[in-house]
PDB file of N, CA and C in Angstrom:
ATOM      1  N   UNK A   1       0.844  -1.178   0.000  1.00  0.00           N
ATOM      2  CA  UNK A   1       0.000   0.000   0.000  1.00  0.00           C
ATOM      3  C   UNK A   1       0.891   1.244   0.000  1.00  0.00           C
ATOM      4  N   UNK A   2       0.632   2.108  -0.906  1.00  0.00           N
ATOM      5  CA  UNK A   2       1.391   3.358  -0.993  1.00  0.00           C
ATOM      6  C   UNK A   2       0.920   4.303   0.106  1.00  0.00           C
ATOM      7  N   UNK A   3       1.862   4.810   0.889  1.00  0.00           N
ATOM      8  CA  UNK A   3       1.514   5.668   2.026  1.00  0.00           C
ATOM      9  C   UNK A   3       1.601   7.147   1.688  1.00  0.00           C
ATOM     10  N   UNK A   4       2.628   7.516   0.975  1.00  0.00           N
ATOM     11  CA  UNK A   4       2.808   8.912   0.609  1.00  0.00           C
ATOM     12  C   UNK A   4       3.030   8.980  -0.889  1.00  0.00           C
ATOM     13  N   UNK A   5       2.577  10.035  -1.486  1.00  0.00           N
ATOM     14  CA  UNK A   5       2.707  10.196  -2.922  1.00  0.00           C
ATOM     15  C   UNK A   5       3.020  11.652  -3.220  1.00  0.00           C
ATOM     16  N   UNK A   6       4.025  11.879  -4.034  1.00  0.00           N
ATOM     17  CA  UNK A   6       4.352  13.256  -4.404  1.00  0.00           C
ATOM     18  C   UNK A   6       3.632  13.675  -5.673  1.00  0.00           C
ATOM     19  N   UNK A   7       3.105  12.710  -6.421  1.00  0.00           N
ATOM     20  CA  UNK A   7       2.455  13.067  -7.679  1.00  0.00           C
ATOM     21  C   UNK A   7       0.939  13.086  -7.628  1.00  0.00           C
ATOM     22  N   UNK A   8       0.350  12.496  -6.587  1.00  0.00           N
ATOM     23  CA  UNK A   8      -1.110  12.548  -6.446  1.00  0.00           C
ATOM     24  C   UNK A   8      -1.495  12.294  -4.991  1.00  0.00           C
ATOM     25  N   UNK A   9      -2.602  12.885  -4.568  1.00  0.00           N
ATOM     26  CA  UNK A   9      -3.043  12.692  -3.180  1.00  0.00           C
ATOM     27  C   UNK A   9      -3.574  11.280  -2.949  1.00  0.00           C
ATOM     28  N   UNK A  10      -3.568  10.891  -1.695  1.00  0.00           N
ATOM     29  CA  UNK A  10      -4.147   9.624  -1.272  1.00  0.00           C
ATOM     30  C   UNK A  10      -5.312   9.953  -0.332  1.00  0.00           C
ATOM     31  N   UNK A  11      -6.466   9.374  -0.623  1.00  0.00           N
ATOM     32  CA  UNK A  11      -7.672   9.625   0.170  1.00  0.00           C
ATOM     33  C   UNK A  11      -8.100   8.318   0.829  1.00  0.00           C
ATOM     34  N   UNK A  12      -8.149   8.335   2.149  1.00  0.00           N
ATOM     35  CA  UNK A  12      -8.685   7.210   2.914  1.00  0.00           C
ATOM     36  C   UNK A  12     -10.127   7.579   3.230  1.00  0.00           C
ATOM     37  N   UNK A  13     -11.053   6.812   2.674  1.00  0.00           N
ATOM     38  CA  UNK A  13     -12.470   7.154   2.780  1.00  0.00           C
ATOM     39  C   UNK A  13     -13.241   6.016   3.427  1.00  0.00           C
ATOM     40  N   UNK A  14     -14.536   6.219   3.568  1.00  0.00           N
ATOM     41  CA  UNK A  14     -15.424   5.153   4.016  1.00  0.00           C
ATOM     42  C   UNK A  14     -16.771   5.324   3.328  1.00  0.00           C
ATOM     43  N   UNK A  15     -17.597   4.317   3.434  1.00  0.00           N
ATOM     44  CA  UNK A  15     -18.911   4.340   2.798  1.00  0.00           C
ATOM     45  C   UNK A  15     -19.835   5.318   3.525  1.00  0.00           C
ATOM     46  N   UNK A  16     -20.790   5.863   2.786  1.00  0.00           N
ATOM     47  CA  UNK A  16     -21.799   6.767   3.350  1.00  0.00           C
ATOM     48  C   UNK A  16     -21.174   7.908   4.154  1.00  0.00           C
ATOM     49  N   UNK A  17     -20.170   8.532   3.569  1.00  0.00           N
ATOM     50  CA  UNK A  17     -19.425   9.605   4.233  1.00  0.00           C
ATOM     51  C   UNK A  17     -19.523  10.860   3.373  1.00  0.00           C
ATOM     52  N   UNK A  18     -20.297  11.814   3.837  1.00  0.00           N
ATOM     53  CA  UNK A  18     -20.526  13.031   3.060  1.00  0.00           C
ATOM     54  C   UNK A  18     -19.223  13.796   2.828  1.00  0.00           C
ATOM     55  N   UNK A  19     -18.402  13.947   3.861  1.00  0.00           N
ATOM     56  CA  UNK A  19     -17.148  14.684   3.686  1.00  0.00           C
ATOM     57  C   UNK A  19     -16.199  13.949   2.743  1.00  0.00           C
ATOM     58  N   UNK A  20     -16.249  12.626   2.752  1.00  0.00           N
ATOM     59  CA  UNK A  20     -15.451  11.845   1.792  1.00  0.00           C
ATOM     60  C   UNK A  20     -15.928  12.140   0.368  1.00  0.00           C
ATOM     61  N   UNK A  21     -17.238  12.116   0.185  1.00  0.00           N
ATOM     62  CA  UNK A  21     -17.808  12.394  -1.138  1.00  0.00           C
ATOM     63  C   UNK A  21     -17.445  13.795  -1.613  1.00  0.00           C
ATOM     64  N   UNK A  22     -17.524  14.780  -0.730  1.00  0.00           N
ATOM     65  CA  UNK A  22     -17.172  16.153  -1.102  1.00  0.00           C
ATOM     66  C   UNK A  22     -15.704  16.252  -1.503  1.00  0.00           C
ATOM     67  N   UNK A  23     -14.841  15.576  -0.739  1.00  0.00           N
ATOM     68  CA  UNK A  23     -13.399  15.607  -1.031  1.00  0.00           C
ATOM     69  C   UNK A  23     -13.130  14.998  -2.400  1.00  0.00           C
ATOM     70  N   UNK A  24     -13.693  13.833  -2.668  1.00  0.00           N
ATOM     71  CA  UNK A  24     -13.470  13.168  -3.958  1.00  0.00           C
ATOM     72  C   UNK A  24     -14.074  13.985  -5.109  1.00  0.00           C
ATOM     73  N   UNK A  25     -15.250  14.575  -4.875  1.00  0.00           N
ATOM     74  CA  UNK A  25     -15.875  15.399  -5.908  1.00  0.00           C
ATOM     75  C   UNK A  25     -15.007  16.608  -6.220  1.00  0.00           C
ATOM     76  N   UNK A  26     -14.449  17.243  -5.194  1.00  0.00           N
ATOM     77  CA  UNK A  26     -13.569  18.394  -5.400  1.00  0.00           C
ATOM     78  C   UNK A  26     -12.395  17.996  -6.282  1.00  0.00           C
ATOM     79  N   UNK A  27     -11.742  16.897  -5.944  1.00  0.00           N
ATOM     80  CA  UNK A  27     -10.582  16.449  -6.719  1.00  0.00           C
ATOM     81  C   UNK A  27     -10.976  16.100  -8.158  1.00  0.00           C
ATOM     82  N   UNK A  28     -12.108  15.442  -8.323  1.00  0.00           N
ATOM     83  CA  UNK A  28     -12.581  15.079  -9.656  1.00  0.00           C
ATOM     84  C   UNK A  28     -12.899  16.315 -10.495  1.00  0.00           C
ATOM     85  N   UNK A  29     -13.545  17.306  -9.885  1.00  0.00           N
ATOM     86  CA  UNK A  29     -13.887  18.528 -10.618  1.00  0.00           C
ATOM     87  C   UNK A  29     -12.646  19.302 -11.049  1.00  0.00           C
ATOM     88  N   UNK A  30     -11.552  19.158 -10.304  1.00  0.00           N
ATOM     89  CA  UNK A  30     -10.290  19.824 -10.646  1.00  0.00           C
ATOM     90  C   UNK A  30      -9.400  18.927 -11.505  1.00  0.00           C
ATOM     91  N   UNK A  31      -9.947  17.765 -11.921  1.00  0.00           N
ATOM     92  CA  UNK A  31      -9.200  16.796 -12.725  1.00  0.00           C
ATOM     93  C   UNK A  31      -7.894  16.375 -12.069  1.00  0.00           C
ATOM     94  N   UNK A  32      -7.935  16.171 -10.752  1.00  0.00           N
ATOM     95  CA  UNK A  32      -6.768  15.731 -10.000  1.00  0.00           C
ATOM     96  C   UNK A  32      -6.911  14.234  -9.740  1.00  0.00           C
ATOM     97  N   UNK A  33      -5.961  13.464 -10.266  1.00  0.00           N
ATOM     98  CA  UNK A  33      -5.967  12.024 -10.015  1.00  0.00           C
ATOM     99  C   UNK A  33      -5.563  11.761  -8.574  1.00  0.00           C
ATOM    100  N   UNK A  34      -6.183  10.766  -7.967  1.00  0.00           N
ATOM    101  CA  UNK A  34      -5.874  10.433  -6.583  1.00  0.00           C
ATOM    102  C   UNK A  34      -6.000   8.930  -6.385  1.00  0.00           C
ATOM    103  N   UNK A  35      -5.344   8.438  -5.353  1.00  0.00           N
ATOM    104  CA  UNK A  35      -5.500   7.055  -4.927  1.00  0.00           C
ATOM    105  C   UNK A  35      -6.524   7.042  -3.809  1.00  0.00           C
ATOM    106  N   UNK A  36      -7.341   6.009  -3.769  1.00  0.00           N
ATOM    107  CA  UNK A  36      -8.344   5.919  -2.709  1.00  0.00           C
ATOM    108  C   UNK A  36      -8.283   4.552  -2.047  1.00  0.00           C
ATOM    109  N   UNK A  37      -8.341   4.564  -0.726  1.00  0.00           N
ATOM    110  CA  UNK A  37      -8.454   3.345   0.065  1.00  0.00           C
ATOM    111  C   UNK A  37      -9.681   3.484   0.946  1.00  0.00           C
ATOM    112  N   UNK A  38     -10.563   2.506   0.891  1.00  0.00           N
ATOM    113  CA  UNK A  38     -11.769   2.518   1.706  1.00  0.00           C
ATOM    114  C   UNK A  38     -11.469   1.767   2.994  1.00  0.00           C
ATOM    115  N   UNK A  39     -11.497   2.474   4.119  1.00  0.00           N
ATOM    116  CA  UNK A  39     -11.121   1.869   5.393  1.00  0.00           C
ATOM    117  C   UNK A  39     -12.155   0.865   5.909  1.00  0.00           C
ATOM    118  N   UNK A  40     -13.356   0.869   5.328  1.00  0.00           N
ATOM    119  CA  UNK A  40     -14.350  -0.132   5.712  1.00  0.00           C
ATOM    120  C   UNK A  40     -14.138  -1.440   4.956  1.00  0.00           C
ATOM    121  N   UNK A  41     -13.398  -1.365   3.865  1.00  0.00           N
ATOM    122  CA  UNK A  41     -13.165  -2.546   3.040  1.00  0.00           C
ATOM    123  C   UNK A  41     -11.710  -3.009   3.087  1.00  0.00           C
ATOM    124  N   UNK A  42     -10.834  -2.195   3.640  1.00  0.00           N
ATOM    125  CA  UNK A  42      -9.402  -2.490   3.675  1.00  0.00           C
ATOM    126  C   UNK A  42      -8.909  -2.323   5.112  1.00  0.00           C
ATOM    127  N   UNK A  43      -8.827  -3.440   5.821  1.00  0.00           N
ATOM    128  CA  UNK A  43      -8.476  -3.395   7.242  1.00  0.00           C
ATOM    129  C   UNK A  43      -7.083  -2.822   7.465  1.00  0.00           C
ATOM    130  N   UNK A  44      -6.153  -3.116   6.576  1.00  0.00           N
ATOM    131  CA  UNK A  44      -4.791  -2.573   6.705  1.00  0.00           C
ATOM    132  C   UNK A  44      -4.814  -1.043   6.611  1.00  0.00           C
ATOM    133  N   UNK A  45      -5.637  -0.510   5.733  1.00  0.00           N
ATOM    134  CA  UNK A  45      -5.772   0.947   5.605  1.00  0.00           C
ATOM    135  C   UNK A  45      -6.351   1.541   6.891  1.00  0.00           C
ATOM    136  N   UNK A  46      -7.346   0.879   7.462  1.00  0.00           N
ATOM    137  CA  UNK A  46      -7.933   1.340   8.722  1.00  0.00           C
ATOM    138  C   UNK A  46      -6.887   1.355   9.835  1.00  0.00           C
ATOM    139  N   UNK A  47      -6.124   0.286   9.948  1.00  0.00           N
ATOM    140  CA  UNK A  47      -5.073   0.217  10.968  1.00  0.00           C
ATOM    141  C   UNK A  47      -4.048   1.332  10.773  1.00  0.00           C
ATOM    142  N   UNK A  48      -3.715   1.605   9.523  1.00  0.00           N
ATOM    143  CA  UNK A  48      -2.714   2.623   9.240  1.00  0.00           C
ATOM    144  C   UNK A  48      -3.176   4.005   9.714  1.00  0.00           C
ATOM    145  N   UNK A  49      -4.354   4.439   9.285  1.00  0.00           N
ATOM    146  CA  UNK A  49      -4.786   5.797   9.635  1.00  0.00           C
ATOM    147  C   UNK A  49      -5.094   5.932  11.126  1.00  0.00           C
ATOM    148  N   UNK A  50      -5.618   4.877  11.743  1.00  0.00           N
ATOM    149  CA  UNK A  50      -5.869   4.972  13.179  1.00  0.00           C
ATOM    150  C   UNK A  50      -4.566   4.959  13.975  1.00  0.00           C
ATOM    151  N   UNK A  51      -3.537   4.293  13.458  1.00  0.00           N
ATOM    152  CA  UNK A  51      -2.243   4.293  14.150  1.00  0.00           C
ATOM    153  C   UNK A  51      -1.618   5.683  14.161  1.00  0.00           C
ATOM    154  N   UNK A  52      -2.023   6.521  13.235  1.00  0.00           N
ATOM    155  CA  UNK A  52      -1.527   7.893  13.172  1.00  0.00           C
ATOM    156  C   UNK A  52      -2.391   8.855  13.983  1.00  0.00           C
ATOM    157  N   UNK A  53      -3.440   8.334  14.605  1.00  0.00           N
ATOM    158  CA  UNK A  53      -4.287   9.151  15.470  1.00  0.00           C
ATOM    159  C   UNK A  53      -5.536   9.694  14.808  1.00  0.00           C
ATOM    160  N   UNK A  54      -5.758   9.382  13.546  1.00  0.00           N
ATOM    161  CA  UNK A  54      -6.956   9.877  12.867  1.00  0.00           C
ATOM    162  C   UNK A  54      -8.168   9.069  13.307  1.00  0.00           C
ATOM    163  N   UNK A  55      -9.272   9.775  13.550  1.00  0.00           N
ATOM    164  CA  UNK A  55     -10.502   9.131  13.996  1.00  0.00           C
ATOM    165  C   UNK A  55     -11.687   9.481  13.108  1.00  0.00           C
ATOM    166  N   UNK A  56     -11.475  10.322  12.105  1.00  0.00           N
ATOM    167  CA  UNK A  56     -12.557  10.741  11.215  1.00  0.00           C
ATOM    168  C   UNK A  56     -12.101  10.626   9.769  1.00  0.00           C
ATOM    169  N   UNK A  57     -13.061  10.423   8.906  1.00  0.00           N
ATOM    170  CA  UNK A  57     -12.775  10.334   7.474  1.00  0.00           C
ATOM    171  C   UNK A  57     -13.366  11.547   6.766  1.00  0.00           C
ATOM    172  N   UNK A  58     -12.819  11.890   5.634  1.00  0.00           N
ATOM    173  CA  UNK A  58     -11.672  11.261   4.989  1.00  0.00           C
ATOM    174  C   UNK A  58     -10.360  11.705   5.628  1.00  0.00           C
ATOM    175  N   UNK A  59      -9.340  10.909   5.378  1.00  0.00           N
ATOM    176  CA  UNK A  59      -7.978  11.299   5.712  1.00  0.00           C
ATOM    177  C   UNK A  59      -7.260  11.473   4.378  1.00  0.00           C
ATOM    178  N   UNK A  60      -6.654  12.628   4.200  1.00  0.00           N
ATOM    179  CA  UNK A  60      -5.976  12.941   2.929  1.00  0.00           C
ATOM    180  C   UNK A  60      -4.487  13.097   3.195  1.00  0.00           C
ATOM    181  N   UNK A  61      -3.700  12.444   2.369  1.00  0.00           N
ATOM    182  CA  UNK A  61      -2.245  12.598   2.385  1.00  0.00           C
ATOM    183  C   UNK A  61      -1.832  13.247   1.080  1.00  0.00           C
ATOM    184  N   UNK A  62      -1.030  14.284   1.185  1.00  0.00           N
ATOM    185  CA  UNK A  62      -0.486  14.953  -0.002  1.00  0.00           C
ATOM    186  C   UNK A  62       0.943  15.361   0.331  1.00  0.00           C
ATOM    187  N   UNK A  63       1.899  14.741  -0.345  1.00  0.00           N
ATOM    188  CA  UNK A  63       3.294  14.991  -0.021  1.00  0.00           C
ATOM    189  C   UNK A  63       3.557  14.570   1.410  1.00  0.00           C
ATOM    190  N   UNK A  64       4.041  15.477   2.231  1.00  0.00           N
ATOM    191  CA  UNK A  64       4.317  15.155   3.629  1.00  0.00           C
ATOM    192  C   UNK A  64       3.213  15.664   4.560  1.00  0.00           C
ATOM    193  N   UNK A  65       2.150  16.205   4.000  1.00  0.00           N
ATOM    194  CA  UNK A  65       1.040  16.724   4.808  1.00  0.00           C
ATOM    195  C   UNK A  65      -0.089  15.713   4.869  1.00  0.00           C
ATOM    196  N   UNK A  66      -0.859  15.774   5.950  1.00  0.00           N
ATOM    197  CA  UNK A  66      -2.046  14.941   6.073  1.00  0.00           C
ATOM    198  C   UNK A  66      -3.070  15.672   6.925  1.00  0.00           C
ATOM    199  N   UNK A  67      -4.326  15.403   6.650  1.00  0.00           N
ATOM    200  CA  UNK A  67      -5.408  16.020   7.423  1.00  0.00           C
ATOM    201  C   UNK A  67      -6.660  15.163   7.310  1.00  0.00           C
ATOM    202  N   UNK A  68      -7.593  15.412   8.219  1.00  0.00           N
ATOM    203  CA  UNK A  68      -8.868  14.705   8.219  1.00  0.00           C
ATOM    204  C   UNK A  68      -9.986  15.682   7.903  1.00  0.00           C
ATOM    205  N   UNK A  69     -11.035  15.161   7.280  1.00  0.00           N
ATOM    206  CA  UNK A  69     -12.208  15.967   6.977  1.00  0.00           C
ATOM    207  C   UNK A  69     -12.106  16.664   5.634  1.00  0.00           C
ATOM    208  N   UNK A  70     -13.220  17.241   5.237  1.00  0.00           N
ATOM    209  CA  UNK A  70     -13.276  18.012   4.001  1.00  0.00           C
ATOM    210  C   UNK A  70     -12.696  19.391   4.273  1.00  0.00           C
ATOM    211  N   UNK A  71     -11.545  19.682   3.676  1.00  0.00           N
ATOM    212  CA  UNK A  71     -10.869  20.956   3.894  1.00  0.00           C
ATOM    213  C   UNK A  71     -10.501  21.569   2.545  1.00  0.00           C
ATOM    214  N   UNK A  72     -11.438  22.308   1.944  1.00  0.00           N
ATOM    215  CA  UNK A  72     -11.194  22.859   0.608  1.00  0.00           C
ATOM    216  C   UNK A  72      -9.983  23.781   0.537  1.00  0.00           C
ATOM    217  N   UNK A  73      -9.643  24.467   1.628  1.00  0.00           N
ATOM    218  CA  UNK A  73      -8.464  25.338   1.611  1.00  0.00           C
ATOM    219  C   UNK A  73      -7.191  24.525   1.412  1.00  0.00           C
ATOM    220  N   UNK A  74      -7.119  23.375   2.043  1.00  0.00           N
ATOM    221  CA  UNK A  74      -5.947  22.508   1.853  1.00  0.00           C
ATOM    222  C   UNK A  74      -5.996  21.789   0.514  1.00  0.00           C
ATOM    223  N   UNK A  75      -7.178  21.364   0.095  1.00  0.00           N
ATOM    224  CA  UNK A  75      -7.302  20.729  -1.210  1.00  0.00           C
ATOM    225  C   UNK A  75      -6.896  21.667  -2.337  1.00  0.00           C
ATOM    226  N   UNK A  76      -7.140  22.962  -2.155  1.00  0.00           N
ATOM    227  CA  UNK A  76      -6.801  23.948  -3.191  1.00  0.00           C
ATOM    228  C   UNK A  76      -5.301  24.059  -3.411  1.00  0.00           C
ATOM    229  N   UNK A  77      -4.494  23.607  -2.461  1.00  0.00           N
ATOM    230  CA  UNK A  77      -3.036  23.648  -2.601  1.00  0.00           C
ATOM    231  C   UNK A  77      -2.508  22.518  -3.477  1.00  0.00           C
ATOM    232  N   UNK A  78      -3.357  21.531  -3.764  1.00  0.00           N
ATOM    233  CA  UNK A  78      -2.936  20.403  -4.599  1.00  0.00           C
ATOM    234  C   UNK A  78      -2.990  20.834  -6.062  1.00  0.00           C
ATOM    235  N   UNK A  79      -1.919  20.647  -6.747  1.00  0.00           N
ATOM    236  CA  UNK A  79      -1.866  21.034  -8.168  1.00  0.00           C
ATOM    237  C   UNK A  79      -1.908  19.800  -9.043  1.00  0.00           C
TER     238      UNK A  79
END
């Protein structure tokens, strides 16, 4: 599983998650390719993000930065 990516963001999402949907829609509307791991379907992904202290989805990794939730100000920094 790729943990960090310098060429595209990684989104850890879950089912029925409005903020996850908003995050993915934002990236799609900006034509930004991203990797997605669903923490409800991928136990290793769930263990990874919870080991880092995240308790809410989505969790977004971009370069060396990471954050939880829908944060359009941070998403806007992704080129």
